C-alpha atoms as a PDB file:
ATOM      1  CA  MET A   1     -13.981   5.515  -6.230  1.00  0.00           C
ATOM      2  CA  THR A   2     -11.554   4.947  -9.103  1.00  0.00           C
ATOM      3  CA  SER A   3      -8.340   6.935  -9.444  1.00  0.00           C
ATOM      4  CA  LYS A   4      -9.761   8.924 -12.345  1.00  0.00           C
ATOM      5  CA  GLU A   5     -12.952   9.740 -10.440  1.00  0.00           C
ATOM      6  CA  ARG A   6     -10.915  10.726  -7.383  1.00  0.00           C
ATOM      7  CA  VAL A   7      -8.644  13.096  -9.318  1.00  0.00           C
ATOM      8  CA  ILE A   8     -11.465  14.701 -11.299  1.00  0.00           C
ATOM      9  CA  LYS A   9     -13.495  15.333  -8.151  1.00  0.00           C
ATOM     10  CA  THR A  10     -10.398  16.781  -6.501  1.00  0.00           C
ATOM     11  CA  LEU A  11      -9.849  19.143  -9.428  1.00  0.00           C
ATOM     12  CA  LYS A  12     -13.502  20.174  -9.271  1.00  0.00           C
ATOM     13  CA  HIS A  13     -13.273  20.794  -5.510  1.00  0.00           C
ATOM     14  CA  GLN A  14     -15.720  18.045  -4.646  1.00  0.00           C
ATOM     15  CA  SER A  15     -15.596  15.620  -1.729  1.00  0.00           C
ATOM     16  CA  VAL A  16     -13.280  12.631  -2.148  1.00  0.00           C
ATOM     17  CA  ASP A  17     -12.468   9.550  -0.085  1.00  0.00           C
ATOM     18  CA  ARG A  18      -8.806  10.600   0.122  1.00  0.00           C
ATOM     19  CA  ALA A  19      -6.397  12.978  -1.584  1.00  0.00           C
ATOM     20  CA  PRO A  20      -5.019  11.525  -4.846  1.00  0.00           C
ATOM     21  CA  ARG A  21      -1.434  10.275  -4.634  1.00  0.00           C
ATOM     22  CA  ASP A  22       1.292  11.479  -6.970  1.00  0.00           C
ATOM     23  CA  LEU A  23       5.003  10.663  -6.599  1.00  0.00           C
ATOM     24  CA  TRP A  24       7.741  12.243  -8.690  1.00  0.00           C
ATOM     25  CA  VAL A  25      10.813  10.026  -8.893  1.00  0.00           C
ATOM     26  CA  LEU A  26      13.962  11.850  -9.984  1.00  0.00           C
ATOM     27  CA  PRO A  27      16.427  10.221 -12.424  1.00  0.00           C
ATOM     28  CA  GLY A  28      19.015   9.220  -9.827  1.00  0.00           C
ATOM     29  CA  VAL A  29      16.427   7.344  -7.781  1.00  0.00           C
ATOM     30  CA  SER A  30      15.047   5.631 -10.883  1.00  0.00           C
ATOM     31  CA  MET A  31      18.572   4.566 -11.832  1.00  0.00           C
ATOM     32  CA  PHE A  32      19.774   3.243  -8.500  1.00  0.00           C
ATOM     33  CA  CYS A  33      16.703   2.401  -6.377  1.00  0.00           C
ATOM     34  CA  GLN A  34      14.358   0.582  -8.754  1.00  0.00           C
ATOM     35  CA  ASN A  35      13.369  -2.181  -6.310  1.00  0.00           C
ATOM     36  CA  GLU A  36      12.665   0.302  -3.542  1.00  0.00           C
ATOM     37  CA  VAL A  37      10.554   2.443  -5.873  1.00  0.00           C
ATOM     38  CA  GLY A  38       8.582  -0.601  -7.017  1.00  0.00           C
ATOM     39  CA  GLU A  39       7.865  -1.658  -3.456  1.00  0.00           C
ATOM     40  CA  LEU A  40       6.638   1.807  -2.460  1.00  0.00           C
ATOM     41  CA  MET A  41       4.398   1.983  -5.541  1.00  0.00           C
ATOM     42  CA  ARG A  42       2.859  -1.375  -4.634  1.00  0.00           C
ATOM     43  CA  ARG A  43       2.227  -0.194  -1.108  1.00  0.00           C
ATOM     44  CA  PHE A  44       0.826   3.164  -2.161  1.00  0.00           C
ATOM     45  CA  PRO A  45      -0.605   2.901  -5.696  1.00  0.00           C
ATOM     46  CA  MET A  46      -0.526   6.205  -7.514  1.00  0.00           C
ATOM     47  CA  ASP A  47      -3.681   7.737  -8.992  1.00  0.00           C
ATOM     48  CA  PHE A  48      -1.915   9.203 -12.018  1.00  0.00           C
ATOM     49  CA  GLN A  49      -0.497   7.519 -15.093  1.00  0.00           C
ATOM     50  CA  GLY A  50       1.545   8.962 -17.934  1.00  0.00           C
ATOM     51  CA  VAL A  51       2.104   8.034 -21.571  1.00  0.00           C
ATOM     52  CA  GLU A  52       5.407   6.722 -22.866  1.00  0.00           C
ATOM     53  CA  ASN A  53       7.062   9.180 -25.262  1.00  0.00           C
ATOM     54  CA  PRO A  54       4.756   9.550 -28.314  1.00  0.00           C
ATOM     55  CA  TYR A  55       6.847  12.238 -30.016  1.00  0.00           C
ATOM     56  CA  GLY A  56       8.905  11.950 -33.179  1.00  0.00           C
ATOM     57  CA  LYS A  57      12.702  11.717 -33.047  1.00  0.00           C
ATOM     58  CA  SER A  58      14.740  14.903 -32.813  1.00  0.00           C
ATOM     59  CA  THR A  59      17.566  15.309 -35.300  1.00  0.00           C
ATOM     60  CA  ARG A  60      19.671  17.127 -32.692  1.00  0.00           C
ATOM     61  CA  GLU A  61      19.411  14.798 -29.706  1.00  0.00           C
ATOM     62  CA  LYS A  62      22.476  12.727 -28.828  1.00  0.00           C
ATOM     63  CA  GLY A  63      24.209  11.238 -25.826  1.00  0.00           C
ATOM     64  CA  ILE A  64      22.723   9.787 -22.637  1.00  0.00           C
ATOM     65  CA  PRO A  65      20.805  12.148 -20.331  1.00  0.00           C
ATOM     66  CA  ASN A  66      21.602  12.180 -16.616  1.00  0.00           C
ATOM     67  CA  ARG A  67      24.976  10.452 -16.986  1.00  0.00           C
ATOM     68  CA  ILE A  68      28.373  12.018 -16.240  1.00  0.00           C
ATOM     69  CA  GLY A  69      29.577  13.824 -19.335  1.00  0.00           C
ATOM     70  CA  GLN A  70      27.531  15.701 -21.925  1.00  0.00           C
ATOM     71  CA  TYR A  71      24.314  15.161 -23.799  1.00  0.00           C
ATOM     72  CA  THR A  72      22.414  17.249 -26.322  1.00  0.00           C
ATOM     73  CA  ASP A  73      18.681  17.643 -25.866  1.00  0.00           C
ATOM     74  CA  GLU A  74      16.003  17.752 -28.563  1.00  0.00           C
ATOM     75  CA  TRP A  75      16.454  21.496 -29.011  1.00  0.00           C
ATOM     76  CA  GLY A  76      20.231  21.382 -29.454  1.00  0.00           C
ATOM     77  CA  SER A  77      21.159  22.551 -25.953  1.00  0.00           C
ATOM     78  CA  VAL A  78      24.278  20.798 -24.615  1.00  0.00           C
ATOM     79  CA  PHE A  79      24.002  19.804 -20.942  1.00  0.00           C
ATOM     80  CA  HIS A  80      27.097  19.180 -18.826  1.00  0.00           C
ATOM     81  CA  VAL A  81      26.465  16.536 -16.151  1.00  0.00           C
ATOM     82  CA  GLY A  82      28.824  16.234 -13.197  1.00  0.00           C
ATOM     83  CA  GLU A  83      27.016  13.463 -11.340  1.00  0.00           C
ATOM     84  CA  ASP A  84      25.001  10.455 -12.463  1.00  0.00           C
ATOM     85  CA  GLY A  85      21.289  10.887 -11.922  1.00  0.00           C
ATOM     86  CA  VAL A  86      21.051  14.672 -12.266  1.00  0.00           C
ATOM     87  CA  ILE A  87      19.919  16.814 -15.188  1.00  0.00           C
ATOM     88  CA  GLY A  88      23.046  18.947 -15.541  1.00  0.00           C
ATOM     89  CA  GLU A  89      23.491  22.507 -16.770  1.00  0.00           C
ATOM     90  CA  VAL A  90      23.834  24.249 -20.116  1.00  0.00           C
ATOM     91  CA  LYS A  91      27.282  25.833 -20.162  1.00  0.00           C
ATOM     92  CA  GLU A  92      27.463  26.842 -23.837  1.00  0.00           C
ATOM     93  CA  PRO A  93      24.049  28.214 -24.893  1.00  0.00           C
ATOM     94  CA  LEU A  94      23.272  27.738 -28.563  1.00  0.00           C
ATOM     95  CA  LEU A  95      22.074  31.322 -29.054  1.00  0.00           C
ATOM     96  CA  ALA A  96      24.701  33.094 -26.958  1.00  0.00           C
ATOM     97  CA  ASP A  97      25.279  35.191 -30.092  1.00  0.00           C
ATOM     98  CA  TRP A  98      21.999  36.550 -31.453  1.00  0.00           C
ATOM     99  CA  SER A  99      23.269  36.136 -35.020  1.00  0.00           C
ATOM    100  CA  SER A 100      22.538  32.403 -34.640  1.00  0.00           C
ATOM    101  CA  LEU A 101      18.831  33.144 -34.237  1.00  0.00           C
ATOM    102  CA  LYS A 102      18.472  33.762 -37.988  1.00  0.00           C
ATOM    103  CA  THR A 103      19.037  30.089 -38.793  1.00  0.00           C
ATOM    104  CA  TYR A 104      17.657  28.451 -35.648  1.00  0.00           C
ATOM    105  CA  LYS A 105      14.478  26.382 -35.928  1.00  0.00           C
ATOM    106  CA  PRO A 106      12.569  24.586 -33.139  1.00  0.00           C
ATOM    107  CA  PRO A 107      12.464  20.770 -33.453  1.00  0.00           C
ATOM    108  CA  PHE A 108       9.138  20.521 -35.267  1.00  0.00           C
ATOM    109  CA  GLU A 109      10.022  16.931 -36.177  1.00  0.00           C
ATOM    110  CA  LEU A 110       8.960  16.065 -32.621  1.00  0.00           C
ATOM    111  CA  LEU A 111       5.444  17.214 -33.435  1.00  0.00           C
ATOM    112  CA  LYS A 112       5.333  15.833 -36.965  1.00  0.00           C
ATOM    113  CA  GLY A 113       6.095  12.364 -35.614  1.00  0.00           C
ATOM    114  CA  PHE A 114       3.594  12.639 -32.727  1.00  0.00           C
ATOM    115  CA  SER A 115       1.443   9.485 -32.477  1.00  0.00           C
ATOM    116  CA  ARG A 116      -2.155  10.084 -31.388  1.00  0.00           C
ATOM    117  CA  GLU A 117      -2.766   6.363 -31.835  1.00  0.00           C
ATOM    118  CA  LYS A 118      -0.086   5.527 -29.287  1.00  0.00           C
ATOM    119  CA  VAL A 119      -1.466   8.058 -26.822  1.00  0.00           C
ATOM    120  CA  ASN A 120      -5.088   6.973 -27.160  1.00  0.00           C
ATOM    121  CA  LYS A 121      -4.142   3.315 -26.878  1.00  0.00           C
ATOM    122  CA  ALA A 122      -2.426   4.065 -23.556  1.00  0.00           C
ATOM    123  CA  CYS A 123      -5.647   5.652 -22.285  1.00  0.00           C
ATOM    124  CA  VAL A 124      -7.715   2.517 -22.852  1.00  0.00           C
ATOM    125  CA  GLY A 125      -8.355  -0.054 -20.136  1.00  0.00           C
ATOM    126  CA  THR A 126      -7.115   1.915 -17.137  1.00  0.00           C
ATOM    127  CA  ASP A 127      -8.960   3.603 -14.308  1.00  0.00           C
ATOM    128  CA  LYS A 128      -6.009   5.938 -13.663  1.00  0.00           C
ATOM    129  CA  PHE A 129      -6.111   9.665 -14.425  1.00  0.00           C
ATOM    130  CA  ILE A 130      -3.910  10.140 -17.502  1.00  0.00           C
ATOM    131  CA  ARG A 131      -1.717  13.204 -17.082  1.00  0.00           C
ATOM    132  CA  VAL A 132       1.152  13.987 -19.445  1.00  0.00           C
ATOM    133  CA  GLY A 133       4.105  16.331 -19.405  1.00  0.00           C
ATOM    134  CA  THR A 134       5.244  18.360 -22.408  1.00  0.00           C
ATOM    135  CA  TYR A 135       8.223  20.240 -23.813  1.00  0.00           C
ATOM    136  CA  THR A 136       6.449  23.515 -23.048  1.00  0.00           C
ATOM    137  CA  ARG A 137       8.547  25.637 -20.680  1.00  0.00           C
ATOM    138  CA  PRO A 138       9.081  28.991 -22.465  1.00  0.00           C
ATOM    139  CA  PHE A 139      11.112  30.836 -19.819  1.00  0.00           C
ATOM    140  CA  GLU A 140      13.430  27.923 -19.115  1.00  0.00           C
ATOM    141  CA  ARG A 141      13.739  27.016 -22.797  1.00  0.00           C
ATOM    142  CA  MET A 142      14.875  30.574 -23.482  1.00  0.00           C
ATOM    143  CA  GLN A 143      17.482  30.200 -20.741  1.00  0.00           C
ATOM    144  CA  PHE A 144      18.742  26.903 -22.164  1.00  0.00           C
ATOM    145  CA  LEU A 145      19.081  28.445 -25.629  1.00  0.00           C
ATOM    146  CA  ARG A 146      20.230  31.958 -24.776  1.00  0.00           C
ATOM    147  CA  GLY A 147      21.907  31.530 -21.365  1.00  0.00           C
ATOM    148  CA  THR A 148      20.402  32.674 -18.070  1.00  0.00           C
ATOM    149  CA  GLU A 149      22.502  35.817 -17.598  1.00  0.00           C
ATOM    150  CA  ASN A 150      22.044  36.844 -21.223  1.00  0.00           C
ATOM    151  CA  LEU A 151      18.285  36.324 -21.008  1.00  0.00           C
ATOM    152  CA  PHE A 152      17.861  38.471 -17.905  1.00  0.00           C
ATOM    153  CA  LEU A 153      19.779  41.277 -19.605  1.00  0.00           C
ATOM    154  CA  ASP A 154      17.669  40.850 -22.748  1.00  0.00           C
ATOM    155  CA  LEU A 155      14.465  41.131 -20.738  1.00  0.00           C
ATOM    156  CA  ALA A 156      15.742  44.132 -18.776  1.00  0.00           C
ATOM    157  CA  TYR A 157      16.749  46.013 -21.922  1.00  0.00           C
ATOM    158  CA  GLY A 158      13.803  44.852 -24.016  1.00  0.00           C
ATOM    159  CA  THR A 159      16.080  43.466 -26.746  1.00  0.00           C
ATOM    160  CA  ALA A 160      14.054  42.896 -29.916  1.00  0.00           C
ATOM    161  CA  GLU A 161      15.501  39.437 -30.540  1.00  0.00           C
ATOM    162  CA  VAL A 162      14.248  38.094 -27.215  1.00  0.00           C
ATOM    163  CA  PHE A 163      10.661  38.694 -28.314  1.00  0.00           C
ATOM    164  CA  THR A 164      11.356  37.030 -31.657  1.00  0.00           C
ATOM    165  CA  LEU A 165      12.634  33.979 -29.785  1.00  0.00           C
ATOM    166  CA  ALA A 166       9.659  34.013 -27.427  1.00  0.00           C
ATOM    167  CA  GLU A 167       7.207  34.035 -30.338  1.00  0.00           C
ATOM    168  CA  MET A 168       9.127  31.258 -32.093  1.00  0.00           C
ATOM    169  CA  LEU A 169       8.888  29.044 -29.012  1.00  0.00           C
ATOM    170  CA  HIS A 170       5.265  30.017 -28.441  1.00  0.00           C
ATOM    171  CA  ASP A 171       4.367  28.887 -31.944  1.00  0.00           C
ATOM    172  CA  PHE A 172       5.876  25.473 -31.207  1.00  0.00           C
ATOM    173  CA  ASN A 173       4.182  25.291 -27.795  1.00  0.00           C
ATOM    174  CA  ARG A 174       0.750  26.151 -29.181  1.00  0.00           C
ATOM    175  CA  GLN A 175       1.053  23.411 -31.765  1.00  0.00           C
ATOM    176  CA  GLU A 176       2.131  20.975 -29.062  1.00  0.00           C
ATOM    177  CA  MET A 177      -0.882  21.873 -26.917  1.00  0.00           C
ATOM    178  CA  GLU A 178      -3.212  21.421 -29.881  1.00  0.00           C
ATOM    179  CA  LEU A 179      -1.835  17.919 -30.448  1.00  0.00           C
ATOM    180  CA  TRP A 180      -2.373  16.858 -26.849  1.00  0.00           C
ATOM    181  CA  ALA A 181      -5.806  18.493 -26.759  1.00  0.00           C
ATOM    182  CA  SER A 182      -6.836  16.256 -29.665  1.00  0.00           C
ATOM    183  CA  THR A 183      -6.050  13.049 -27.733  1.00  0.00           C
ATOM    184  CA  ASP A 184      -7.913  11.106 -25.034  1.00  0.00           C
ATOM    185  CA  VAL A 185      -5.688  12.142 -22.106  1.00  0.00           C
ATOM    186  CA  ASP A 186      -7.306  13.715 -19.056  1.00  0.00           C
ATOM    187  CA  GLY A 187      -4.749  16.362 -18.155  1.00  0.00           C
ATOM    188  CA  VAL A 188      -1.763  18.123 -19.711  1.00  0.00           C
ATOM    189  CA  GLY A 189       1.079  19.842 -17.902  1.00  0.00           C
ATOM    190  CA  PHE A 190       3.679  22.510 -18.633  1.00  0.00           C
ATOM    191  CA  MET A 191       6.231  24.242 -16.449  1.00  0.00           C
ATOM    192  CA  ASP A 192       8.675  27.060 -15.750  1.00  0.00           C
ATOM    193  CA  ASP A 193      10.652  27.719 -12.565  1.00  0.00           C
ATOM    194  CA  TRP A 194       9.778  31.309 -11.702  1.00  0.00           C
ATOM    195  CA  GLY A 195      10.710  31.821  -8.080  1.00  0.00           C
ATOM    196  CA  SER A 196      13.790  32.394  -5.983  1.00  0.00           C
ATOM    197  CA  GLN A 197      13.576  31.479  -2.312  1.00  0.00           C
ATOM    198  CA  ASN A 198      11.875  34.773  -1.514  1.00  0.00           C
ATOM    199  CA  SER A 199      10.371  36.304  -4.633  1.00  0.00           C
ATOM    200  CA  LEU A 200       9.779  36.098  -8.359  1.00  0.00           C
ATOM    201  CA  LEU A 201      12.893  36.113 -10.572  1.00  0.00           C
ATOM    202  CA  ILE A 202      11.551  39.072 -12.552  1.00  0.00           C
ATOM    203  CA  SER A 203       9.032  41.716 -11.586  1.00  0.00           C
ATOM    204  CA  PRO A 204       5.415  40.530 -11.472  1.00  0.00           C
ATOM    205  CA  GLU A 205       4.586  43.349 -13.890  1.00  0.00           C
ATOM    206  CA  MET A 206       7.050  42.041 -16.493  1.00  0.00           C
ATOM    207  CA  TRP A 207       5.815  38.485 -15.942  1.00  0.00           C
ATOM    208  CA  ARG A 208       2.224  39.583 -16.550  1.00  0.00           C
ATOM    209  CA  LYS A 209       3.140  41.520 -19.680  1.00  0.00           C
ATOM    210  CA  ILE A 210       5.360  38.923 -21.380  1.00  0.00           C
ATOM    211  CA  PHE A 211       4.664  35.454 -20.014  1.00  0.00           C
ATOM    212  CA  LYS A 212       1.162  35.385 -18.571  1.00  0.00           C
ATOM    213  CA  PRO A 213      -0.456  35.610 -22.049  1.00  0.00           C
ATOM    214  CA  LEU A 214       1.539  32.575 -23.172  1.00  0.00           C
ATOM    215  CA  TYR A 215       0.250  30.376 -20.361  1.00  0.00           C
ATOM    216  CA  LYS A 216      -3.276  31.644 -20.894  1.00  0.00           C
ATOM    217  CA  ASP A 217      -3.087  30.540 -24.527  1.00  0.00           C
ATOM    218  CA  TYR A 218      -2.046  27.031 -23.471  1.00  0.00           C
ATOM    219  CA  ALA A 219      -4.792  26.813 -20.853  1.00  0.00           C
ATOM    220  CA  ASP A 220      -7.423  28.035 -23.327  1.00  0.00           C
ATOM    221  CA  ILE A 221      -6.387  25.490 -25.975  1.00  0.00           C
ATOM    222  CA  LEU A 222      -6.632  22.638 -23.486  1.00  0.00           C
ATOM    223  CA  HIS A 223      -9.845  23.763 -21.823  1.00  0.00           C
ATOM    224  CA  LYS A 224     -11.617  24.039 -25.168  1.00  0.00           C
ATOM    225  CA  LYS A 225     -11.145  20.293 -25.567  1.00  0.00           C
ATOM    226  CA  GLY A 226     -12.102  19.481 -21.973  1.00  0.00           C
ATOM    227  CA  LYS A 227      -8.587  18.826 -20.643  1.00  0.00           C
ATOM    228  CA  PHE A 228      -7.434  19.747 -17.163  1.00  0.00           C
ATOM    229  CA  VAL A 229      -4.430  22.075 -16.999  1.00  0.00           C
ATOM    230  CA  PHE A 230      -1.460  21.320 -14.736  1.00  0.00           C
ATOM    231  CA  MET A 231       1.514  23.622 -14.148  1.00  0.00           C
ATOM    232  CA  HIS A 232       4.731  23.457 -12.116  1.00  0.00           C
ATOM    233  CA  SER A 233       6.996  26.197 -10.823  1.00  0.00           C
ATOM    234  CA  ASP A 234       9.687  26.153  -8.152  1.00  0.00           C
ATOM    235  CA  GLY A 235      10.385  28.949  -5.695  1.00  0.00           C
ATOM    236  CA  ASN A 236       8.290  31.663  -4.101  1.00  0.00           C
ATOM    237  CA  ILE A 237       5.592  32.512  -6.644  1.00  0.00           C
ATOM    238  CA  SER A 238       2.986  33.886  -4.236  1.00  0.00           C
ATOM    239  CA  SER A 239       2.845  37.204  -6.115  1.00  0.00           C
ATOM    240  CA  ILE A 240       1.463  35.516  -9.266  1.00  0.00           C
ATOM    241  CA  TYR A 241      -0.871  32.959  -7.665  1.00  0.00           C
ATOM    242  CA  PRO A 242      -3.931  35.146  -8.366  1.00  0.00           C
ATOM    243  CA  ASP A 243      -2.846  35.336 -12.015  1.00  0.00           C
ATOM    244  CA  LEU A 244      -2.545  31.552 -12.243  1.00  0.00           C
ATOM    245  CA  VAL A 245      -6.087  31.269 -10.893  1.00  0.00           C
ATOM    246  CA  GLU A 246      -7.289  33.904 -13.344  1.00  0.00           C
ATOM    247  CA  ILE A 247      -5.874  32.207 -16.458  1.00  0.00           C
ATOM    248  CA  GLY A 248      -7.423  28.891 -15.475  1.00  0.00           C
ATOM    249  CA  ILE A 249      -4.644  26.682 -14.132  1.00  0.00           C
ATOM    250  CA  ASP A 250      -6.526  23.740 -12.606  1.00  0.00           C
ATOM    251  CA  ALA A 251      -3.667  22.296 -10.531  1.00  0.00           C
ATOM    252  CA  MET A 252      -0.484  24.085  -9.475  1.00  0.00           C
ATOM    253  CA  ASN A 253       2.620  22.299  -8.250  1.00  0.00           C
ATOM    254  CA  SER A 254       4.726  24.758  -6.272  1.00  0.00           C
ATOM    255  CA  GLN A 255       7.159  24.829  -3.379  1.00  0.00           C
ATOM    256  CA  LEU A 256       4.611  25.571  -0.693  1.00  0.00           C
ATOM    257  CA  PHE A 257       7.232  25.770   2.042  1.00  0.00           C
ATOM    258  CA  CYS A 258       8.928  28.723   0.290  1.00  0.00           C
ATOM    259  CA  MET A 259       5.689  30.628   0.847  1.00  0.00           C
ATOM    260  CA  ASP A 260       3.078  31.250   3.535  1.00  0.00           C
ATOM    261  CA  ILE A 261       1.115  27.995   3.317  1.00  0.00           C
ATOM    262  CA  GLU A 262      -1.708  29.191   5.518  1.00  0.00           C
ATOM    263  CA  ASP A 263      -2.115  32.382   3.484  1.00  0.00           C
ATOM    264  CA  LEU A 264      -2.223  30.408   0.222  1.00  0.00           C
ATOM    265  CA  GLY A 265      -4.832  28.075   1.657  1.00  0.00           C
ATOM    266  CA  GLU A 266      -6.974  30.925   2.942  1.00  0.00           C
ATOM    267  CA  LYS A 267      -6.860  32.885  -0.323  1.00  0.00           C
ATOM    268  CA  TYR A 268      -6.993  30.191  -2.965  1.00  0.00           C
ATOM    269  CA  SER A 269      -8.638  27.041  -1.578  1.00  0.00           C
ATOM    270  CA  GLY A 270     -11.611  26.286  -3.793  1.00  0.00           C
ATOM    271  CA  LYS A 271     -10.102  28.329  -6.645  1.00  0.00           C
ATOM    272  CA  ILE A 272      -7.138  26.164  -7.641  1.00  0.00           C
ATOM    273  CA  THR A 273      -5.978  22.664  -6.726  1.00  0.00           C
ATOM    274  CA  PHE A 274      -2.757  22.552  -4.726  1.00  0.00           C
ATOM    275  CA  TRP A 275      -0.718  19.811  -6.407  1.00  0.00           C
ATOM    276  CA  GLY A 276       1.670  19.164  -3.504  1.00  0.00           C
ATOM    277  CA  GLU A 277       4.336  19.481  -2.316  1.00  0.00           C
ATOM    278  CA  ILE A 278       6.180  18.542   0.894  1.00  0.00           C
ATOM    279  CA  ASP A 279       9.379  20.448   1.679  1.00  0.00           C
ATOM    280  CA  ARG A 280      12.232  18.753  -0.235  1.00  0.00           C
ATOM    281  CA  GLN A 281      14.827  21.275   0.923  1.00  0.00           C
ATOM    282  CA  HIS A 282      14.665  21.178   4.697  1.00  0.00           C
ATOM    283  CA  VAL A 283      12.309  18.335   5.659  1.00  0.00           C
ATOM    284  CA  LEU A 284      12.422  15.254   3.429  1.00  0.00           C
ATOM    285  CA  PRO A 285      16.251  14.988   3.302  1.00  0.00           C
ATOM    286  CA  THR A 286      16.484  14.938   7.121  1.00  0.00           C
ATOM    287  CA  GLY A 287      14.777  11.550   7.393  1.00  0.00           C
ATOM    288  CA  ASP A 288      13.134  12.845  10.580  1.00  0.00           C
ATOM    289  CA  ARG A 289       9.785  11.057  10.679  1.00  0.00           C
ATOM    290  CA  THR A 290       8.225  13.478  13.165  1.00  0.00           C
ATOM    291  CA  LEU A 291       9.298  16.483  11.112  1.00  0.00           C
ATOM    292  CA  ILE A 292       7.861  14.884   7.967  1.00  0.00           C
ATOM    293  CA  GLN A 293       4.558  14.127   9.688  1.00  0.00           C
ATOM    294  CA  LYS A 294       4.287  17.713  10.925  1.00  0.00           C
ATOM    295  CA  ALA A 295       4.984  19.038   7.422  1.00  0.00           C
ATOM    296  CA  VAL A 296       2.179  16.930   5.937  1.00  0.00           C
ATOM    297  CA  GLN A 297      -0.145  17.954   8.765  1.00  0.00           C
ATOM    298  CA  ARG A 298       0.595  21.609   8.087  1.00  0.00           C
ATOM    299  CA  VAL A 299      -0.358  21.275   4.426  1.00  0.00           C
ATOM    300  CA  ARG A 300      -3.492  19.311   5.290  1.00  0.00           C
ATOM    301  CA  THR A 301      -4.621  21.777   7.940  1.00  0.00           C
ATOM    302  CA  ALA A 302      -4.274  24.659   5.490  1.00  0.00           C
ATOM    303  CA  MET A 303      -5.589  22.980   2.352  1.00  0.00           C
ATOM    304  CA  ASP A 304      -7.200  19.559   2.837  1.00  0.00           C
ATOM    305  CA  HIS A 305     -10.721  19.823   4.214  1.00  0.00           C
ATOM    306  CA  GLY A 306     -12.169  16.733   2.568  1.00  0.00           C
ATOM    307  CA  LYS A 307     -13.606  18.811  -0.280  1.00  0.00           C
ATOM    308  CA  GLY A 308     -10.972  18.161  -2.914  1.00  0.00           C
ATOM    309  CA  GLY A 309      -8.561  20.825  -4.053  1.00  0.00           C
ATOM    310  CA  VAL A 310      -5.352  19.147  -2.882  1.00  0.00           C
ATOM    311  CA  ILE A 311      -3.160  16.357  -4.282  1.00  0.00           C
ATOM    312  CA  ALA A 312      -0.840  14.307  -2.056  1.00  0.00           C
ATOM    313  CA  GLN A 313       2.279  14.889  -4.137  1.00  0.00           C
ATOM    314  CA  CYS A 314       5.923  14.722  -3.146  1.00  0.00           C
ATOM    315  CA  GLU A 315       9.283  14.382  -4.870  1.00  0.00           C
ATOM    316  CA  TRP A 316      11.747  11.541  -4.282  1.00  0.00           C
ATOM    317  CA  GLY A 317      15.161  13.071  -4.855  1.00  0.00           C
ATOM    318  CA  ASN A 318      18.632  11.577  -4.636  1.00  0.00           C
ATOM    319  CA  ASP A 319      19.057  12.825  -1.068  1.00  0.00           C
ATOM    320  CA  VAL A 320      15.742  11.396   0.208  1.00  0.00           C
ATOM    321  CA  SER A 321      15.199   7.895   1.594  1.00  0.00           C
ATOM    322  CA  GLY A 322      12.349   5.587   0.699  1.00  0.00           C
ATOM    323  CA  GLU A 323      11.337   5.577   4.363  1.00  0.00           C
ATOM    324  CA  SER A 324      10.843   9.347   4.246  1.00  0.00           C
ATOM    325  CA  VAL A 325       8.623   9.116   1.176  1.00  0.00           C
ATOM    326  CA  ALA A 326       6.614   6.317   2.782  1.00  0.00           C
ATOM    327  CA  ALA A 327       6.133   8.489   5.868  1.00  0.00           C
ATOM    328  CA  VAL A 328       4.591  11.192   3.666  1.00  0.00           C
ATOM    329  CA  PHE A 329       1.964   8.889   2.191  1.00  0.00           C
ATOM    330  CA  GLU A 330       1.280   7.211   5.535  1.00  0.00           C
ATOM    331  CA  GLU A 331       0.379  10.610   6.966  1.00  0.00           C
ATOM    332  CA  TRP A 332      -1.902  11.344   4.033  1.00  0.00           C
ATOM    333  CA  GLU A 333      -3.760   8.097   4.751  1.00  0.00           C
ATOM    334  CA  LYS A 334      -5.171   9.549   7.960  1.00  0.00           C
ATOM    335  CA  PRO A 335      -8.650  11.139   7.913  1.00  0.00           C
ATOM    336  CA  PRO A 336      -8.681  14.715   6.581  1.00  0.00           C
ATOM    337  CA  VAL A 337      -8.631  17.698   8.880  1.00  0.00           C
ATOM    338  CA  THR A 338     -12.098  19.284   9.060  1.00  0.00           C
END
């Protein structure tokens, strides 16, 4: 079974020889542990492959991301970084004053310079499942541009400008999805971190009214061209899991250990693919092999029954050792729980 066959069967909830592997390596690890990452990848080959940046060049971007100091992203948001290898935070949002919205434009040059040829060339001659990430993250993008506190107040008061901004970003995101849908990739992902440790950051009702239609549009665009839809969100998002199933998310990456894993497995196995993860807050950083094994076993018992629907994904953060990550994939190598 090739990697692509394995992932597609998993997404279609069909029997597979093993759960597909997917490792997310955070910037600090990529910077300082390259040899260790390479060795782990050789030992446990991943089933997914991405595409090197095919976008055009932003006129706003400057500086070096993930290095101490400041850098400006493609949208003009200035990130302050206090430690090498982390993303940083936006301290001075570009649209803190709504008067700036009149002249603000999304970076459409990214899309105008998009190279389908580069993308399609990367899809040739590999048996990996080609999954790509995107700039599409409407809720977080609004926070980066407006400021988190300002945005929550805008949403609470129903400020007219916040809906203008949302539609502006949605127009960009739809065009981005159309571009990817026209390529030869297998799957396309987007994201937004929606959960706190215990609940959604806004009411589920507000989420369904304002944001759910946006994600449905992206999923519909991709599905029309036969692409699988991947989404990520941190935190406890159990209240909107049925909505994610309804709008057609094929694979959802979420912090399972912030929620009731067994309840998620019982309600949604066979309806959505659980795209990881293993607890990166209280398990992976401990380096406790037994604890890590038990965490993987818990996910497998709830979700991995040898009939697809689960991806062996975990995140290698700055506070996690290579031995801990290896322990995760070693445990996934064992026969599935039936």
